[in-house]
C-alpha atoms as a PDB file:
ATOM      1  CA  MET A   1       0.032   0.035  -0.013  1.00  0.00           C
ATOM      2  CA  SER A   2       1.247   3.416  -0.836  1.00  0.00           C
ATOM      3  CA  ASP A   3       1.843   6.288   1.595  1.00  0.00           C
ATOM      4  CA  SER A   4      -1.095   8.377   2.719  1.00  0.00           C
ATOM      5  CA  ALA A   5      -1.214  11.842   4.167  1.00  0.00           C
ATOM      6  CA  LEU A   6      -2.254  12.132   7.814  1.00  0.00           C
ATOM      7  CA  LYS A   7      -4.726  14.751   8.849  1.00  0.00           C
ATOM      8  CA  TYR A   8      -5.443  15.406  12.495  1.00  0.00           C
ATOM      9  CA  SER A   9      -8.460  16.807  14.272  1.00  0.00           C
ATOM     10  CA  PRO A  10      -7.692  19.464  16.900  1.00  0.00           C
ATOM     11  CA  GLN A  11      -8.660  16.940  19.586  1.00  0.00           C
ATOM     12  CA  VAL A  12      -6.086  14.454  18.328  1.00  0.00           C
ATOM     13  CA  ARG A  13      -3.431  17.244  18.178  1.00  0.00           C
ATOM     14  CA  ASP A  14      -4.213  18.313  21.832  1.00  0.00           C
ATOM     15  CA  TYR A  15      -4.327  14.790  23.096  1.00  0.00           C
ATOM     16  CA  ILE A  16      -0.892  13.873  21.650  1.00  0.00           C
ATOM     17  CA  ALA A  17       0.513  17.177  22.877  1.00  0.00           C
ATOM     18  CA  ALA A  18      -0.467  16.498  26.430  1.00  0.00           C
ATOM     19  CA  LEU A  19       1.233  13.103  26.579  1.00  0.00           C
ATOM     20  CA  SER A  20       4.626  12.282  28.004  1.00  0.00           C
ATOM     21  CA  PRO A  21       7.516  12.114  25.628  1.00  0.00           C
ATOM     22  CA  ASP A  22       7.640   8.341  25.612  1.00  0.00           C
ATOM     23  CA  ALA A  23       3.851   8.133  24.853  1.00  0.00           C
ATOM     24  CA  LYS A  24       4.248  10.757  22.114  1.00  0.00           C
ATOM     25  CA  LYS A  25       7.066   8.746  20.549  1.00  0.00           C
ATOM     26  CA  ALA A  26       5.086   5.563  20.624  1.00  0.00           C
ATOM     27  CA  ILE A  27       2.009   7.113  19.070  1.00  0.00           C
ATOM     28  CA  ASN A  28       4.011   8.897  16.341  1.00  0.00           C
ATOM     29  CA  ARG A  29       5.780   5.531  15.599  1.00  0.00           C
ATOM     30  CA  GLU A  30       2.416   3.873  15.162  1.00  0.00           C
ATOM     31  CA  LEU A  31       0.987   6.823  13.017  1.00  0.00           C
ATOM     32  CA  GLU A  32       3.886   6.465  10.774  1.00  0.00           C
ATOM     33  CA  LYS A  33       3.242   2.768  10.341  1.00  0.00           C
ATOM     34  CA  LEU A  34      -0.405   3.640   9.543  1.00  0.00           C
ATOM     35  CA  ARG A  35       0.618   6.277   7.018  1.00  0.00           C
ATOM     36  CA  ARG A  36       2.623   3.543   5.226  1.00  0.00           C
ATOM     37  CA  GLY A  37      -0.202   1.028   5.226  1.00  0.00           C
ATOM     38  CA  GLY A  38       0.597  -0.882   8.347  1.00  0.00           C
ATOM     39  CA  GLY A  39       0.005  -0.797  12.153  1.00  0.00           C
ATOM     40  CA  ASP A  40      -2.262  -2.513  14.572  1.00  0.00           C
ATOM     41  CA  THR A  41      -5.660  -1.618  13.084  1.00  0.00           C
ATOM     42  CA  ARG A  42      -9.252  -2.859  12.953  1.00  0.00           C
ATOM     43  CA  PRO A  43     -12.439  -1.700  11.537  1.00  0.00           C
ATOM     44  CA  LEU A  44     -15.033  -0.361  14.046  1.00  0.00           C
ATOM     45  CA  ARG A  45     -18.671  -1.525  14.049  1.00  0.00           C
ATOM     46  CA  TYR A  46     -22.268  -0.361  14.585  1.00  0.00           C
ATOM     47  CA  ASN A  47     -22.510   3.587  14.487  1.00  0.00           C
ATOM     48  CA  LEU A  48     -18.756   3.853  13.831  1.00  0.00           C
ATOM     49  CA  GLU A  49     -18.509   1.411  10.918  1.00  0.00           C
ATOM     50  CA  ASP A  50     -16.971   4.132   8.624  1.00  0.00           C
ATOM     51  CA  PHE A  51     -14.018   4.242  11.053  1.00  0.00           C
ATOM     52  CA  HIS A  52     -10.990   2.164  12.133  1.00  0.00           C
ATOM     53  CA  ARG A  53      -8.871   2.148  15.211  1.00  0.00           C
ATOM     54  CA  LEU A  54      -5.179   2.184  15.488  1.00  0.00           C
ATOM     55  CA  ARG A  55      -3.610   0.700  18.768  1.00  0.00           C
ATOM     56  CA  ALA A  56      -0.591   2.447  20.217  1.00  0.00           C
ATOM     57  CA  GLY A  57      -0.036   0.796  23.533  1.00  0.00           C
ATOM     58  CA  SER A  58      -2.791   1.869  25.843  1.00  0.00           C
ATOM     59  CA  HIS A  59      -3.798   4.612  23.545  1.00  0.00           C
ATOM     60  CA  ARG A  60      -6.243   4.440  20.538  1.00  0.00           C
ATOM     61  CA  ILE A  61      -6.665   6.561  17.545  1.00  0.00           C
ATOM     62  CA  ILE A  62      -9.945   6.489  15.673  1.00  0.00           C
ATOM     63  CA  TYR A  63      -9.572   7.292  11.963  1.00  0.00           C
ATOM     64  CA  ARG A  64     -11.037   6.903   8.596  1.00  0.00           C
ATOM     65  CA  HIS A  65      -9.737   6.922   5.052  1.00  0.00           C
ATOM     66  CA  ILE A  66     -10.674  10.020   3.017  1.00  0.00           C
ATOM     67  CA  PRO A  67     -10.039  10.853  -0.675  1.00  0.00           C
ATOM     68  CA  GLY A  68      -6.555  12.033  -1.450  1.00  0.00           C
ATOM     69  CA  PRO A  69      -5.343   9.352  -0.509  1.00  0.00           C
ATOM     70  CA  ALA A  70      -5.368  10.534   3.118  1.00  0.00           C
ATOM     71  CA  ILE A  71      -6.155   9.335   6.547  1.00  0.00           C
ATOM     72  CA  GLU A  72      -8.316  11.574   8.950  1.00  0.00           C
ATOM     73  CA  CYS A  73      -7.403  10.929  12.551  1.00  0.00           C
ATOM     74  CA  ALA A  74     -10.684  11.897  14.213  1.00  0.00           C
ATOM     75  CA  HIS A  75     -10.224  11.091  17.865  1.00  0.00           C
ATOM     76  CA  ALA A  76      -7.606   9.918  20.326  1.00  0.00           C
ATOM     77  CA  GLY A  77      -7.760   8.766  23.839  1.00  0.00           C
ATOM     78  CA  PRO A  78      -7.015   6.014  26.405  1.00  0.00           C
ATOM     79  CA  ARG A  79      -8.278   2.517  25.417  1.00  0.00           C
ATOM     80  CA  LYS A  80     -10.759   2.504  28.339  1.00  0.00           C
ATOM     81  CA  THR A  81     -12.695   5.566  27.300  1.00  0.00           C
ATOM     82  CA  VAL A  82     -11.973   6.464  23.720  1.00  0.00           C
ATOM     83  CA  TYR A  83     -14.950   4.718  22.248  1.00  0.00           C
ATOM     84  CA  GLN A  84     -17.303   6.383  24.723  1.00  0.00           C
ATOM     85  CA  THR A  85     -15.994   9.984  24.307  1.00  0.00           C
ATOM     86  CA  PHE A  86     -15.977   9.870  20.461  1.00  0.00           C
ATOM     87  CA  VAL A  87     -18.975  11.284  18.738  1.00  0.00           C
ATOM     88  CA  PRO A  88     -18.631  11.584  15.027  1.00  0.00           C
ATOM     89  CA  ALA A  89     -19.615  14.928  13.502  1.00  0.00           C
ATOM     90  CA  ASN A  90     -21.917  13.172  11.057  1.00  0.00           C
ATOM     91  CA  PRO A  91     -21.787   9.410  11.467  1.00  0.00           C
ATOM     92  CA  THR A  92     -23.888   8.606   8.404  1.00  0.00           C
ATOM     93  CA  ALA A  93     -22.236  10.883   6.010  1.00  0.00           C
ATOM     94  CA  PRO A  94     -19.497   9.567   3.683  1.00  0.00           C
ATOM     95  CA  PRO A  95     -15.923  10.564   4.352  1.00  0.00           C
ATOM     96  CA  SER A  96     -15.335  14.058   3.194  1.00  0.00           C
ATOM     97  CA  ALA A  97     -12.595  15.298   0.816  1.00  0.00           C
END
């Protein structure tokens, strides 16, 4: 798979910025794998079926593929709460350009 551009929501940028240097490094390493078509990912289900998750230790990044090719990192958080705190802006709309 070819390289994709990564786009970050303000929430994802703020979340990563608030982490320890080691956690930032781990997340950035996993995001680079994702950008290159790899990483520990899974598709999400139910009302989040347009999205996937990226695992980075105890952190999760919720993302989706958008035209470009690009990846929109929509939400980030600890594994225990990330799915409860993420509310898609428009869960039934197709990915935007």
